[in-house]
Amino acid sequence: MASTAARPVPSRGSITPPANKSSGIVWDEQAFDKYIRAPMQEMPGTRMAFVGIKNEKDIGDLWAYLKQVGPDGAKK
């Protein structure tokens, strides 16, 4: 999910599941917050078998990290 901020969900990679590609979501803080809490509920049909993160601080920290990483995985 490196360089996720402000990118459409199917931002790269040929392994992006159809449910993700057709979601129309553009990652911003609000969309990420909703998704990371309950991925399978927010995006029915996703292959992301993950129960989610509930801790507010962990979610904020993860988003802050994602915003500072570029498409190549290096810090901006």
PDB file of N, CA and C in Angstrom:
ATOM      1  N   MET A   1       0.813  -1.197   0.000  1.00  0.00           N
ATOM      2  CA  MET A   1       0.000   0.000   0.000  1.00  0.00           C
ATOM      3  C   MET A   1       0.856   1.262   0.000  1.00  0.00           C
ATOM      4  N   ALA A   2       2.134   1.097  -0.274  1.00  0.00           N
ATOM      5  CA  ALA A   2       2.999   2.265  -0.311  1.00  0.00           C
ATOM      6  C   ALA A   2       2.458   3.302  -1.287  1.00  0.00           C
ATOM      7  N   SER A   3       2.609   4.546  -0.942  1.00  0.00           N
ATOM      8  CA  SER A   3       2.149   5.675  -1.749  1.00  0.00           C
ATOM      9  C   SER A   3       0.660   5.574  -2.059  1.00  0.00           C
ATOM     10  N   THR A   4      -0.109   5.260  -1.072  1.00  0.00           N
ATOM     11  CA  THR A   4      -1.549   5.071  -1.222  1.00  0.00           C
ATOM     12  C   THR A   4      -2.301   6.387  -1.262  1.00  0.00           C
ATOM     13  N   ALA A   5      -1.864   7.371  -0.512  1.00  0.00           N
ATOM     14  CA  ALA A   5      -2.602   8.627  -0.372  1.00  0.00           C
ATOM     15  C   ALA A   5      -2.927   9.256  -1.714  1.00  0.00           C
ATOM     16  N   ALA A   6      -4.180   9.605  -1.881  1.00  0.00           N
ATOM     17  CA  ALA A   6      -4.716  10.307  -3.049  1.00  0.00           C
ATOM     18  C   ALA A   6      -4.663   9.489  -4.336  1.00  0.00           C
ATOM     19  N   ARG A   7      -4.535   8.173  -4.225  1.00  0.00           N
ATOM     20  CA  ARG A   7      -4.516   7.323  -5.408  1.00  0.00           C
ATOM     21  C   ARG A   7      -5.791   6.503  -5.461  1.00  0.00           C
ATOM     22  N   PRO A   8      -6.251   6.192  -6.671  1.00  0.00           N
ATOM     23  CA  PRO A   8      -7.396   5.287  -6.789  1.00  0.00           C
ATOM     24  C   PRO A   8      -7.022   3.911  -6.258  1.00  0.00           C
ATOM     25  N   VAL A   9      -7.979   3.146  -5.815  1.00  0.00           N
ATOM     26  CA  VAL A   9      -7.721   1.824  -5.251  1.00  0.00           C
ATOM     27  C   VAL A   9      -6.895   0.945  -6.178  1.00  0.00           C
ATOM     28  N   PRO A  10      -7.283   0.737  -7.438  1.00  0.00           N
ATOM     29  CA  PRO A  10      -6.454  -0.128  -8.279  1.00  0.00           C
ATOM     30  C   PRO A  10      -5.257   0.619  -8.830  1.00  0.00           C
ATOM     31  N   SER A  11      -4.477   1.191  -7.950  1.00  0.00           N
ATOM     32  CA  SER A  11      -3.421   2.097  -8.372  1.00  0.00           C
ATOM     33  C   SER A  11      -2.288   1.413  -9.113  1.00  0.00           C
ATOM     34  N   ARG A  12      -2.070   0.143  -8.859  1.00  0.00           N
ATOM     35  CA  ARG A  12      -1.015  -0.553  -9.583  1.00  0.00           C
ATOM     36  C   ARG A  12      -1.084  -2.039  -9.317  1.00  0.00           C
ATOM     37  N   GLY A  13      -0.410  -2.780 -10.148  1.00  0.00           N
ATOM     38  CA  GLY A  13      -0.322  -4.216  -9.967  1.00  0.00           C
ATOM     39  C   GLY A  13      -1.438  -4.973 -10.650  1.00  0.00           C
ATOM     40  N   SER A  14      -1.072  -6.075 -11.246  1.00  0.00           N
ATOM     41  CA  SER A  14      -2.059  -6.874 -11.959  1.00  0.00           C
ATOM     42  C   SER A  14      -2.803  -7.822 -11.031  1.00  0.00           C
ATOM     43  N   ILE A  15      -2.438  -7.854  -9.759  1.00  0.00           N
ATOM     44  CA  ILE A  15      -3.098  -8.774  -8.827  1.00  0.00           C
ATOM     45  C   ILE A  15      -4.250  -8.106  -8.078  1.00  0.00           C
ATOM     46  N   THR A  16      -4.592  -6.892  -8.459  1.00  0.00           N
ATOM     47  CA  THR A  16      -5.678  -6.180  -7.795  1.00  0.00           C
ATOM     48  C   THR A  16      -6.987  -6.912  -8.071  1.00  0.00           C
ATOM     49  N   PRO A  17      -7.691  -7.362  -7.024  1.00  0.00           N
ATOM     50  CA  PRO A  17      -8.936  -8.096  -7.201  1.00  0.00           C
ATOM     51  C   PRO A  17     -10.018  -7.247  -7.886  1.00  0.00           C
ATOM     52  N   PRO A  18     -10.913  -7.879  -8.651  1.00  0.00           N
ATOM     53  CA  PRO A  18     -11.992  -7.153  -9.331  1.00  0.00           C
ATOM     54  C   PRO A  18     -12.818  -6.265  -8.389  1.00  0.00           C
ATOM     55  N   ALA A  19     -13.100  -6.732  -7.178  1.00  0.00           N
ATOM     56  CA  ALA A  19     -13.893  -5.931  -6.233  1.00  0.00           C
ATOM     57  C   ALA A  19     -13.179  -4.618  -5.915  1.00  0.00           C
ATOM     58  N   ASN A  20     -11.874  -4.657  -5.804  1.00  0.00           N
ATOM     59  CA  ASN A  20     -11.105  -3.443  -5.534  1.00  0.00           C
ATOM     60  C   ASN A  20     -11.116  -2.524  -6.754  1.00  0.00           C
ATOM     61  N   LYS A  21     -10.907  -3.110  -7.930  1.00  0.00           N
ATOM     62  CA  LYS A  21     -10.858  -2.321  -9.163  1.00  0.00           C
ATOM     63  C   LYS A  21     -12.167  -1.591  -9.420  1.00  0.00           C
ATOM     64  N   SER A  22     -13.281  -2.226  -9.098  1.00  0.00           N
ATOM     65  CA  SER A  22     -14.584  -1.628  -9.393  1.00  0.00           C
ATOM     66  C   SER A  22     -15.140  -0.786  -8.252  1.00  0.00           C
ATOM     67  N   SER A  23     -14.387  -0.636  -7.169  1.00  0.00           N
ATOM     68  CA  SER A  23     -14.896   0.076  -5.988  1.00  0.00           C
ATOM     69  C   SER A  23     -15.055   1.578  -6.202  1.00  0.00           C
ATOM     70  N   GLY A  24     -14.219   2.171  -7.052  1.00  0.00           N
ATOM     71  CA  GLY A  24     -14.272   3.610  -7.279  1.00  0.00           C
ATOM     72  C   GLY A  24     -13.667   4.432  -6.153  1.00  0.00           C
ATOM     73  N   ILE A  25     -13.111   3.794  -5.157  1.00  0.00           N
ATOM     74  CA  ILE A  25     -12.526   4.501  -4.013  1.00  0.00           C
ATOM     75  C   ILE A  25     -11.208   5.157  -4.412  1.00  0.00           C
ATOM     76  N   VAL A  26     -11.038   6.403  -3.978  1.00  0.00           N
ATOM     77  CA  VAL A  26      -9.748   7.086  -4.056  1.00  0.00           C
ATOM     78  C   VAL A  26      -9.302   7.228  -2.607  1.00  0.00           C
ATOM     79  N   TRP A  27      -8.123   6.732  -2.325  1.00  0.00           N
ATOM     80  CA  TRP A  27      -7.660   6.729  -0.938  1.00  0.00           C
ATOM     81  C   TRP A  27      -7.448   8.145  -0.426  1.00  0.00           C
ATOM     82  N   ASP A  28      -8.218   8.487   0.570  1.00  0.00           N
ATOM     83  CA  ASP A  28      -7.964   9.668   1.379  1.00  0.00           C
ATOM     84  C   ASP A  28      -8.079   9.184   2.815  1.00  0.00           C
ATOM     85  N   GLU A  29      -7.853  10.060   3.746  1.00  0.00           N
ATOM     86  CA  GLU A  29      -7.834   9.622   5.145  1.00  0.00           C
ATOM     87  C   GLU A  29      -9.155   9.003   5.572  1.00  0.00           C
ATOM     88  N   GLN A  30     -10.262   9.587   5.161  1.00  0.00           N
ATOM     89  CA  GLN A  30     -11.578   9.082   5.558  1.00  0.00           C
ATOM     90  C   GLN A  30     -11.860   7.711   4.929  1.00  0.00           C
ATOM     91  N   ALA A  31     -11.577   7.549   3.642  1.00  0.00           N
ATOM     92  CA  ALA A  31     -11.815   6.268   2.971  1.00  0.00           C
ATOM     93  C   ALA A  31     -10.923   5.184   3.561  1.00  0.00           C
ATOM     94  N   PHE A  32      -9.661   5.527   3.819  1.00  0.00           N
ATOM     95  CA  PHE A  32      -8.734   4.561   4.397  1.00  0.00           C
ATOM     96  C   PHE A  32      -9.196   4.146   5.784  1.00  0.00           C
ATOM     97  N   ASP A  33      -9.629   5.111   6.599  1.00  0.00           N
ATOM     98  CA  ASP A  33     -10.085   4.835   7.954  1.00  0.00           C
ATOM     99  C   ASP A  33     -11.243   3.837   7.943  1.00  0.00           C
ATOM    100  N   LYS A  34     -12.226   4.074   7.087  1.00  0.00           N
ATOM    101  CA  LYS A  34     -13.378   3.172   7.000  1.00  0.00           C
ATOM    102  C   LYS A  34     -12.948   1.782   6.531  1.00  0.00           C
ATOM    103  N   TYR A  35     -12.105   1.730   5.515  1.00  0.00           N
ATOM    104  CA  TYR A  35     -11.675   0.454   4.939  1.00  0.00           C
ATOM    105  C   TYR A  35     -10.831  -0.353   5.917  1.00  0.00           C
ATOM    106  N   ILE A  36      -9.857   0.281   6.553  1.00  0.00           N
ATOM    107  CA  ILE A  36      -8.914  -0.466   7.390  1.00  0.00           C
ATOM    108  C   ILE A  36      -9.588  -1.019   8.648  1.00  0.00           C
ATOM    109  N   ARG A  37     -10.709  -0.436   9.040  1.00  0.00           N
ATOM    110  CA  ARG A  37     -11.461  -0.953  10.187  1.00  0.00           C
ATOM    111  C   ARG A  37     -12.194  -2.256   9.858  1.00  0.00           C
ATOM    112  N   ALA A  38     -12.672  -2.378   8.620  1.00  0.00           N
ATOM    113  CA  ALA A  38     -13.441  -3.562   8.222  1.00  0.00           C
ATOM    114  C   ALA A  38     -13.342  -3.738   6.704  1.00  0.00           C
ATOM    115  N   PRO A  39     -12.193  -4.203   6.210  1.00  0.00           N
ATOM    116  CA  PRO A  39     -11.969  -4.291   4.768  1.00  0.00           C
ATOM    117  C   PRO A  39     -13.037  -5.089   4.021  1.00  0.00           C
ATOM    118  N   MET A  40     -13.416  -6.224   4.537  1.00  0.00           N
ATOM    119  CA  MET A  40     -14.360  -7.083   3.823  1.00  0.00           C
ATOM    120  C   MET A  40     -15.777  -6.505   3.829  1.00  0.00           C
ATOM    121  N   GLN A  41     -16.084  -5.688   4.803  1.00  0.00           N
ATOM    122  CA  GLN A  41     -17.391  -5.040   4.870  1.00  0.00           C
ATOM    123  C   GLN A  41     -17.428  -3.813   3.956  1.00  0.00           C
ATOM    124  N   GLU A  42     -16.348  -3.056   3.928  1.00  0.00           N
ATOM    125  CA  GLU A  42     -16.283  -1.832   3.129  1.00  0.00           C
ATOM    126  C   GLU A  42     -16.171  -2.116   1.641  1.00  0.00           C
ATOM    127  N   MET A  43     -15.560  -3.249   1.303  1.00  0.00           N
ATOM    128  CA  MET A  43     -15.353  -3.589  -0.096  1.00  0.00           C
ATOM    129  C   MET A  43     -15.746  -5.058  -0.304  1.00  0.00           C
ATOM    130  N   PRO A  44     -17.041  -5.337  -0.358  1.00  0.00           N
ATOM    131  CA  PRO A  44     -17.492  -6.724  -0.528  1.00  0.00           C
ATOM    132  C   PRO A  44     -16.846  -7.368  -1.753  1.00  0.00           C
ATOM    133  N   GLY A  45     -16.383  -8.585  -1.568  1.00  0.00           N
ATOM    134  CA  GLY A  45     -15.738  -9.309  -2.655  1.00  0.00           C
ATOM    135  C   GLY A  45     -14.232  -9.153  -2.692  1.00  0.00           C
ATOM    136  N   THR A  46     -13.685  -8.307  -1.800  1.00  0.00           N
ATOM    137  CA  THR A  46     -12.235  -8.149  -1.771  1.00  0.00           C
ATOM    138  C   THR A  46     -11.582  -9.450  -1.329  1.00  0.00           C
ATOM    139  N   ARG A  47     -10.367  -9.642  -1.734  1.00  0.00           N
ATOM    140  CA  ARG A  47      -9.616 -10.822  -1.299  1.00  0.00           C
ATOM    141  C   ARG A  47      -8.792 -10.524  -0.046  1.00  0.00           C
ATOM    142  N   MET A  48      -8.938  -9.331   0.481  1.00  0.00           N
ATOM    143  CA  MET A  48      -8.181  -8.947   1.669  1.00  0.00           C
ATOM    144  C   MET A  48      -8.839  -9.588   2.883  1.00  0.00           C
ATOM    145  N   ALA A  49      -8.386 -10.787   3.205  1.00  0.00           N
ATOM    146  CA  ALA A  49      -8.917 -11.512   4.353  1.00  0.00           C
ATOM    147  C   ALA A  49      -8.223 -10.993   5.611  1.00  0.00           C
ATOM    148  N   PHE A  50      -8.754  -9.917   6.137  1.00  0.00           N
ATOM    149  CA  PHE A  50      -8.154  -9.209   7.265  1.00  0.00           C
ATOM    150  C   PHE A  50      -9.295  -8.635   8.076  1.00  0.00           C
ATOM    151  N   VAL A  51      -9.298  -8.865   9.381  1.00  0.00           N
ATOM    152  CA  VAL A  51     -10.412  -8.403  10.209  1.00  0.00           C
ATOM    153  C   VAL A  51     -10.407  -6.900  10.428  1.00  0.00           C
ATOM    154  N   GLY A  52      -9.289  -6.259  10.183  1.00  0.00           N
ATOM    155  CA  GLY A  52      -9.223  -4.816  10.330  1.00  0.00           C
ATOM    156  C   GLY A  52      -8.457  -4.374  11.558  1.00  0.00           C
ATOM    157  N   ILE A  53      -8.278  -3.074  11.644  1.00  0.00           N
ATOM    158  CA  ILE A  53      -7.604  -2.440  12.778  1.00  0.00           C
ATOM    159  C   ILE A  53      -8.632  -1.551  13.453  1.00  0.00           C
ATOM    160  N   LYS A  54      -8.771  -1.670  14.742  1.00  0.00           N
ATOM    161  CA  LYS A  54      -9.775  -0.894  15.474  1.00  0.00           C
ATOM    162  C   LYS A  54      -9.175   0.264  16.269  1.00  0.00           C
ATOM    163  N   ASN A  55      -7.897   0.166  16.602  1.00  0.00           N
ATOM    164  CA  ASN A  55      -7.239   1.158  17.454  1.00  0.00           C
ATOM    165  C   ASN A  55      -7.009   2.469  16.696  1.00  0.00           C
ATOM    166  N   GLU A  56      -7.595   3.561  17.205  1.00  0.00           N
ATOM    167  CA  GLU A  56      -7.508   4.879  16.554  1.00  0.00           C
ATOM    168  C   GLU A  56      -6.063   5.312  16.299  1.00  0.00           C
ATOM    169  N   LYS A  57      -5.213   5.161  17.293  1.00  0.00           N
ATOM    170  CA  LYS A  57      -3.814   5.584  17.154  1.00  0.00           C
ATOM    171  C   LYS A  57      -3.108   4.758  16.088  1.00  0.00           C
ATOM    172  N   ASP A  58      -3.333   3.458  16.078  1.00  0.00           N
ATOM    173  CA  ASP A  58      -2.702   2.604  15.072  1.00  0.00           C
ATOM    174  C   ASP A  58      -3.135   2.997  13.659  1.00  0.00           C
ATOM    175  N   ILE A  59      -4.420   3.297  13.491  1.00  0.00           N
ATOM    176  CA  ILE A  59      -4.928   3.708  12.184  1.00  0.00           C
ATOM    177  C   ILE A  59      -4.279   5.025  11.762  1.00  0.00           C
ATOM    178  N   GLY A  60      -4.224   5.984  12.670  1.00  0.00           N
ATOM    179  CA  GLY A  60      -3.590   7.274  12.377  1.00  0.00           C
ATOM    180  C   GLY A  60      -2.115   7.130  12.047  1.00  0.00           C
ATOM    181  N   ASP A  61      -1.431   6.291  12.801  1.00  0.00           N
ATOM    182  CA  ASP A  61      -0.005   6.070  12.555  1.00  0.00           C
ATOM    183  C   ASP A  61       0.227   5.409  11.196  1.00  0.00           C
ATOM    184  N   LEU A  62      -0.613   4.442  10.861  1.00  0.00           N
ATOM    185  CA  LEU A  62      -0.474   3.759   9.578  1.00  0.00           C
ATOM    186  C   LEU A  62      -0.723   4.720   8.419  1.00  0.00           C
ATOM    187  N   TRP A  63      -1.758   5.550   8.527  1.00  0.00           N
ATOM    188  CA  TRP A  63      -2.036   6.531   7.468  1.00  0.00           C
ATOM    189  C   TRP A  63      -0.878   7.527   7.347  1.00  0.00           C
ATOM    190  N   ALA A  64      -0.356   7.988   8.457  1.00  0.00           N
ATOM    191  CA  ALA A  64       0.775   8.933   8.431  1.00  0.00           C
ATOM    192  C   ALA A  64       1.972   8.304   7.722  1.00  0.00           C
ATOM    193  N   TYR A  65       2.213   7.029   7.986  1.00  0.00           N
ATOM    194  CA  TYR A  65       3.316   6.335   7.311  1.00  0.00           C
ATOM    195  C   TYR A  65       3.060   6.242   5.813  1.00  0.00           C
ATOM    196  N   LEU A  66       1.852   5.835   5.428  1.00  0.00           N
ATOM    197  CA  LEU A  66       1.533   5.672   4.011  1.00  0.00           C
ATOM    198  C   LEU A  66       1.664   6.984   3.242  1.00  0.00           C
ATOM    199  N   LYS A  67       1.339   8.100   3.894  1.00  0.00           N
ATOM    200  CA  LYS A  67       1.443   9.404   3.235  1.00  0.00           C
ATOM    201  C   LYS A  67       2.888   9.816   2.971  1.00  0.00           C
ATOM    202  N   GLN A  68       3.828   9.265   3.718  1.00  0.00           N
ATOM    203  CA  GLN A  68       5.211   9.701   3.563  1.00  0.00           C
ATOM    204  C   GLN A  68       6.050   8.777   2.686  1.00  0.00           C
ATOM    205  N   VAL A  69       5.425   7.740   2.130  1.00  0.00           N
ATOM    206  CA  VAL A  69       6.159   6.785   1.302  1.00  0.00           C
ATOM    207  C   VAL A  69       5.765   6.974  -0.165  1.00  0.00           C
ATOM    208  N   GLY A  70       6.755   7.028  -1.033  1.00  0.00           N
ATOM    209  CA  GLY A  70       6.508   7.211  -2.456  1.00  0.00           C
ATOM    210  C   GLY A  70       6.203   5.896  -3.165  1.00  0.00           C
ATOM    211  N   PRO A  71       5.875   5.956  -4.454  1.00  0.00           N
ATOM    212  CA  PRO A  71       5.543   4.757  -5.223  1.00  0.00           C
ATOM    213  C   PRO A  71       6.664   3.715  -5.267  1.00  0.00           C
ATOM    214  N   ASP A  72       7.890   4.174  -5.092  1.00  0.00           N
ATOM    215  CA  ASP A  72       9.034   3.251  -5.114  1.00  0.00           C
ATOM    216  C   ASP A  72       9.310   2.646  -3.738  1.00  0.00           C
ATOM    217  N   GLY A  73       8.522   3.027  -2.736  1.00  0.00           N
ATOM    218  CA  GLY A  73       8.717   2.506  -1.394  1.00  0.00           C
ATOM    219  C   GLY A  73       9.675   3.328  -0.535  1.00  0.00           C
ATOM    220  N   ALA A  74      10.291   4.345  -1.134  1.00  0.00           N
ATOM    221  CA  ALA A  74      11.234   5.202  -0.406  1.00  0.00           C
ATOM    222  C   ALA A  74      10.477   6.372   0.224  1.00  0.00           C
ATOM    223  N   LYS A  75      11.012   6.859   1.329  1.00  0.00           N
ATOM    224  CA  LYS A  75      10.401   8.032   1.966  1.00  0.00           C
ATOM    225  C   LYS A  75      10.481   9.223   1.034  1.00  0.00           C
ATOM    226  N   LYS A  76       9.402  10.018   1.033  1.00  0.00           N
ATOM    227  CA  LYS A  76       9.369  11.229   0.198  1.00  0.00           C
ATOM    228  C   LYS A  76      10.289  12.274   0.767  1.00  0.00           C
TER     229      LYS A  76
END
